[in-house]
Amino acid sequence: MRQVIQAVGQRLESHFDRLWGADEARRTSLVMIGKHLHADELTLALKVAEV
């Protein structure tokens, strides 16, 4: 099943929302919403942590 994780401030929520579709690509997505975010710095930090 797909898992949704949402973090707002110190609150962290997680739940499974639905089964993957038979023809649906299984992939991970990260969405960040905020002010004054530096995309290049965030991308570099995430690439360093990539497994």
PDB file of N, CA and C in Angstrom:
ATOM      1  N   MET A   1       0.825  -1.192   0.000  1.00  0.00           N
ATOM      2  CA  MET A   1       0.000   0.000   0.000  1.00  0.00           C
ATOM      3  C   MET A   1       0.870   1.257   0.000  1.00  0.00           C
ATOM      4  N   ARG A   2       0.288   2.329  -0.499  1.00  0.00           N
ATOM      5  CA  ARG A   2       1.004   3.601  -0.472  1.00  0.00           C
ATOM      6  C   ARG A   2       0.947   4.160   0.941  1.00  0.00           C
ATOM      7  N   GLN A   3       2.053   4.744   1.368  1.00  0.00           N
ATOM      8  CA  GLN A   3       2.100   5.345   2.694  1.00  0.00           C
ATOM      9  C   GLN A   3       2.283   6.849   2.543  1.00  0.00           C
ATOM     10  N   VAL A   4       1.475   7.587   3.277  1.00  0.00           N
ATOM     11  CA  VAL A   4       1.542   9.045   3.287  1.00  0.00           C
ATOM     12  C   VAL A   4       2.091   9.473   4.635  1.00  0.00           C
ATOM     13  N   ILE A   5       3.109  10.328   4.607  1.00  0.00           N
ATOM     14  CA  ILE A   5       3.686  10.873   5.832  1.00  0.00           C
ATOM     15  C   ILE A   5       3.602  12.389   5.723  1.00  0.00           C
ATOM     16  N   GLN A   6       3.045  13.021   6.744  1.00  0.00           N
ATOM     17  CA  GLN A   6       2.912  14.473   6.753  1.00  0.00           C
ATOM     18  C   GLN A   6       3.511  15.012   8.043  1.00  0.00           C
ATOM     19  N   ALA A   7       4.392  15.995   7.890  1.00  0.00           N
ATOM     20  CA  ALA A   7       5.012  16.634   9.045  1.00  0.00           C
ATOM     21  C   ALA A   7       4.743  18.131   8.984  1.00  0.00           C
ATOM     22  N   VAL A   8       4.209  18.653  10.071  1.00  0.00           N
ATOM     23  CA  VAL A   8       3.955  20.092  10.190  1.00  0.00           C
ATOM     24  C   VAL A   8       4.462  20.507  11.556  1.00  0.00           C
ATOM     25  N   GLY A   9       5.505  21.331  11.561  1.00  0.00           N
ATOM     26  CA  GLY A   9       6.103  21.713  12.842  1.00  0.00           C
ATOM     27  C   GLY A   9       6.598  20.467  13.554  1.00  0.00           C
ATOM     28  N   GLN A  10       6.147  20.247  14.768  1.00  0.00           N
ATOM     29  CA  GLN A  10       6.571  19.074  15.530  1.00  0.00           C
ATOM     30  C   GLN A  10       5.577  17.918  15.402  1.00  0.00           C
ATOM     31  N   ARG A  11       4.492  18.112  14.663  1.00  0.00           N
ATOM     32  CA  ARG A  11       3.477  17.070  14.486  1.00  0.00           C
ATOM     33  C   ARG A  11       3.850  16.178  13.299  1.00  0.00           C
ATOM     34  N   LEU A  12       3.794  14.881  13.486  1.00  0.00           N
ATOM     35  CA  LEU A  12       4.106  13.917  12.430  1.00  0.00           C
ATOM     36  C   LEU A  12       2.980  12.903  12.360  1.00  0.00           C
ATOM     37  N   GLU A  13       2.388  12.757  11.166  1.00  0.00           N
ATOM     38  CA  GLU A  13       1.296  11.810  10.963  1.00  0.00           C
ATOM     39  C   GLU A  13       1.657  10.870   9.819  1.00  0.00           C
ATOM     40  N   SER A  14       1.190   9.625   9.908  1.00  0.00           N
ATOM     41  CA  SER A  14       1.475   8.636   8.886  1.00  0.00           C
ATOM     42  C   SER A  14       0.269   7.718   8.735  1.00  0.00           C
ATOM     43  N   HIS A  15      -0.084   7.400   7.487  1.00  0.00           N
ATOM     44  CA  HIS A  15      -1.154   6.442   7.241  1.00  0.00           C
ATOM     45  C   HIS A  15      -1.001   5.833   5.843  1.00  0.00           C
ATOM     46  N   PHE A  16      -1.596   4.676   5.643  1.00  0.00           N
ATOM     47  CA  PHE A  16      -1.654   4.053   4.325  1.00  0.00           C
ATOM     48  C   PHE A  16      -2.947   4.512   3.668  1.00  0.00           C
ATOM     49  N   ASP A  17      -2.854   5.039   2.439  1.00  0.00           N
ATOM     50  CA  ASP A  17      -4.061   5.602   1.833  1.00  0.00           C
ATOM     51  C   ASP A  17      -4.777   4.664   0.875  1.00  0.00           C
ATOM     52  N   ARG A  18      -4.033   3.834   0.109  1.00  0.00           N
ATOM     53  CA  ARG A  18      -4.693   2.914  -0.814  1.00  0.00           C
ATOM     54  C   ARG A  18      -3.681   1.928  -1.382  1.00  0.00           C
ATOM     55  N   LEU A  19      -4.189   0.917  -2.052  1.00  0.00           N
ATOM     56  CA  LEU A  19      -3.318  -0.044  -2.730  1.00  0.00           C
ATOM     57  C   LEU A  19      -2.723   0.607  -3.970  1.00  0.00           C
ATOM     58  N   TRP A  20      -1.542   0.161  -4.365  1.00  0.00           N
ATOM     59  CA  TRP A  20      -0.952   0.597  -5.619  1.00  0.00           C
ATOM     60  C   TRP A  20      -1.786   0.041  -6.770  1.00  0.00           C
ATOM     61  N   GLY A  21      -1.964   0.816  -7.814  1.00  0.00           N
ATOM     62  CA  GLY A  21      -2.655   0.335  -9.004  1.00  0.00           C
ATOM     63  C   GLY A  21      -1.777  -0.661  -9.746  1.00  0.00           C
ATOM     64  N   ALA A  22      -2.378  -1.611 -10.442  1.00  0.00           N
ATOM     65  CA  ALA A  22      -1.629  -2.654 -11.149  1.00  0.00           C
ATOM     66  C   ALA A  22      -0.659  -2.055 -12.166  1.00  0.00           C
ATOM     67  N   ASP A  23      -1.039  -0.960 -12.827  1.00  0.00           N
ATOM     68  CA  ASP A  23      -0.189  -0.346 -13.846  1.00  0.00           C
ATOM     69  C   ASP A  23       0.473   0.939 -13.355  1.00  0.00           C
ATOM     70  N   GLU A  24       0.438   1.172 -12.059  1.00  0.00           N
ATOM     71  CA  GLU A  24       0.985   2.397 -11.475  1.00  0.00           C
ATOM     72  C   GLU A  24       2.453   2.207 -11.090  1.00  0.00           C
ATOM     73  N   ALA A  25       3.296   3.149 -11.504  1.00  0.00           N
ATOM     74  CA  ALA A  25       4.720   3.091 -11.136  1.00  0.00           C
ATOM     75  C   ALA A  25       4.866   3.351  -9.641  1.00  0.00           C
ATOM     76  N   ARG A  26       5.613   2.491  -8.971  1.00  0.00           N
ATOM     77  CA  ARG A  26       5.857   2.683  -7.533  1.00  0.00           C
ATOM     78  C   ARG A  26       7.043   3.627  -7.384  1.00  0.00           C
ATOM     79  N   ARG A  27       6.786   4.783  -6.823  1.00  0.00           N
ATOM     80  CA  ARG A  27       7.836   5.785  -6.697  1.00  0.00           C
ATOM     81  C   ARG A  27       7.628   6.572  -5.420  1.00  0.00           C
ATOM     82  N   THR A  28       8.649   7.278  -5.029  1.00  0.00           N
ATOM     83  CA  THR A  28       8.605   8.127  -3.846  1.00  0.00           C
ATOM     84  C   THR A  28       8.554   9.579  -4.296  1.00  0.00           C
ATOM     85  N   SER A  29       7.728  10.365  -3.647  1.00  0.00           N
ATOM     86  CA  SER A  29       7.638  11.798  -3.930  1.00  0.00           C
ATOM     87  C   SER A  29       7.794  12.560  -2.624  1.00  0.00           C
ATOM     88  N   LEU A  30       8.433  13.687  -2.719  1.00  0.00           N
ATOM     89  CA  LEU A  30       8.600  14.561  -1.562  1.00  0.00           C
ATOM     90  C   LEU A  30       8.119  15.951  -1.960  1.00  0.00           C
ATOM     91  N   VAL A  31       7.199  16.493  -1.184  1.00  0.00           N
ATOM     92  CA  VAL A  31       6.675  17.835  -1.440  1.00  0.00           C
ATOM     93  C   VAL A  31       6.979  18.680  -0.213  1.00  0.00           C
ATOM     94  N   MET A  32       7.625  19.819  -0.432  1.00  0.00           N
ATOM     95  CA  MET A  32       7.923  20.752   0.656  1.00  0.00           C
ATOM     96  C   MET A  32       7.217  22.058   0.357  1.00  0.00           C
ATOM     97  N   ILE A  33       6.512  22.557   1.350  1.00  0.00           N
ATOM     98  CA  ILE A  33       5.807  23.827   1.215  1.00  0.00           C
ATOM     99  C   ILE A  33       6.333  24.747   2.307  1.00  0.00           C
ATOM    100  N   GLY A  34       6.792  25.917   1.923  1.00  0.00           N
ATOM    101  CA  GLY A  34       7.318  26.838   2.920  1.00  0.00           C
ATOM    102  C   GLY A  34       7.763  28.138   2.282  1.00  0.00           C
ATOM    103  N   LYS A  35       8.269  29.000   3.105  1.00  0.00           N
ATOM    104  CA  LYS A  35       8.774  30.295   2.641  1.00  0.00           C
ATOM    105  C   LYS A  35      10.293  30.273   2.683  1.00  0.00           C
ATOM    106  N   HIS A  36      10.900  30.927   1.717  1.00  0.00           N
ATOM    107  CA  HIS A  36      12.350  31.120   1.669  1.00  0.00           C
ATOM    108  C   HIS A  36      13.105  29.784   1.640  1.00  0.00           C
ATOM    109  N   LEU A  37      12.567  28.788   0.931  1.00  0.00           N
ATOM    110  CA  LEU A  37      13.255  27.503   0.784  1.00  0.00           C
ATOM    111  C   LEU A  37      14.294  27.633  -0.325  1.00  0.00           C
ATOM    112  N   HIS A  38      15.435  27.038  -0.126  1.00  0.00           N
ATOM    113  CA  HIS A  38      16.517  27.082  -1.102  1.00  0.00           C
ATOM    114  C   HIS A  38      16.598  25.710  -1.772  1.00  0.00           C
ATOM    115  N   ALA A  39      15.994  25.616  -2.963  1.00  0.00           N
ATOM    116  CA  ALA A  39      15.856  24.332  -3.655  1.00  0.00           C
ATOM    117  C   ALA A  39      17.198  23.644  -3.869  1.00  0.00           C
ATOM    118  N   ASP A  40      18.225  24.365  -4.276  1.00  0.00           N
ATOM    119  CA  ASP A  40      19.530  23.751  -4.538  1.00  0.00           C
ATOM    120  C   ASP A  40      20.124  23.140  -3.267  1.00  0.00           C
ATOM    121  N   GLU A  41      20.047  23.844  -2.163  1.00  0.00           N
ATOM    122  CA  GLU A  41      20.584  23.339  -0.893  1.00  0.00           C
ATOM    123  C   GLU A  41      19.803  22.120  -0.410  1.00  0.00           C
ATOM    124  N   LEU A  42      18.479  22.176  -0.525  1.00  0.00           N
ATOM    125  CA  LEU A  42      17.651  21.044  -0.104  1.00  0.00           C
ATOM    126  C   LEU A  42      17.921  19.815  -0.971  1.00  0.00           C
ATOM    127  N   THR A  43      18.041  20.010  -2.275  1.00  0.00           N
ATOM    128  CA  THR A  43      18.320  18.901  -3.189  1.00  0.00           C
ATOM    129  C   THR A  43      19.658  18.262  -2.864  1.00  0.00           C
ATOM    130  N   LEU A  44      20.677  19.061  -2.619  1.00  0.00           N
ATOM    131  CA  LEU A  44      21.999  18.532  -2.278  1.00  0.00           C
ATOM    132  C   LEU A  44      21.949  17.741  -0.967  1.00  0.00           C
ATOM    133  N   ALA A  45      21.293  18.281   0.049  1.00  0.00           N
ATOM    134  CA  ALA A  45      21.201  17.588   1.331  1.00  0.00           C
ATOM    135  C   ALA A  45      20.473  16.257   1.192  1.00  0.00           C
ATOM    136  N   LEU A  46      19.425  16.210   0.374  1.00  0.00           N
ATOM    137  CA  LEU A  46      18.686  14.964   0.183  1.00  0.00           C
ATOM    138  C   LEU A  46      19.494  13.949  -0.637  1.00  0.00           C
ATOM    139  N   LYS A  47      20.261  14.410  -1.605  1.00  0.00           N
ATOM    140  CA  LYS A  47      21.091  13.492  -2.391  1.00  0.00           C
ATOM    141  C   LYS A  47      22.160  12.834  -1.523  1.00  0.00           C
ATOM    142  N   VAL A  48      22.704  13.563  -0.585  1.00  0.00           N
ATOM    143  CA  VAL A  48      23.704  13.010   0.337  1.00  0.00           C
ATOM    144  C   VAL A  48      23.083  11.901   1.193  1.00  0.00           C
ATOM    145  N   ALA A  49      21.797  12.055   1.536  1.00  0.00           N
ATOM    146  CA  ALA A  49      21.118  11.079   2.389  1.00  0.00           C
ATOM    147  C   ALA A  49      20.504   9.922   1.595  1.00  0.00           C
ATOM    148  N   GLU A  50      20.553   9.994   0.271  1.00  0.00           N
ATOM    149  CA  GLU A  50      19.915   8.983  -0.585  1.00  0.00           C
ATOM    150  C   GLU A  50      20.588   7.619  -0.419  1.00  0.00           C
ATOM    151  N   VAL A  51      19.749   6.606  -0.368  1.00  0.00           N
ATOM    152  CA  VAL A  51      20.255   5.225  -0.228  1.00  0.00           C
ATOM    153  C   VAL A  51      20.209   4.546  -1.567  1.00  0.00           C
TER     154      VAL A  51
END
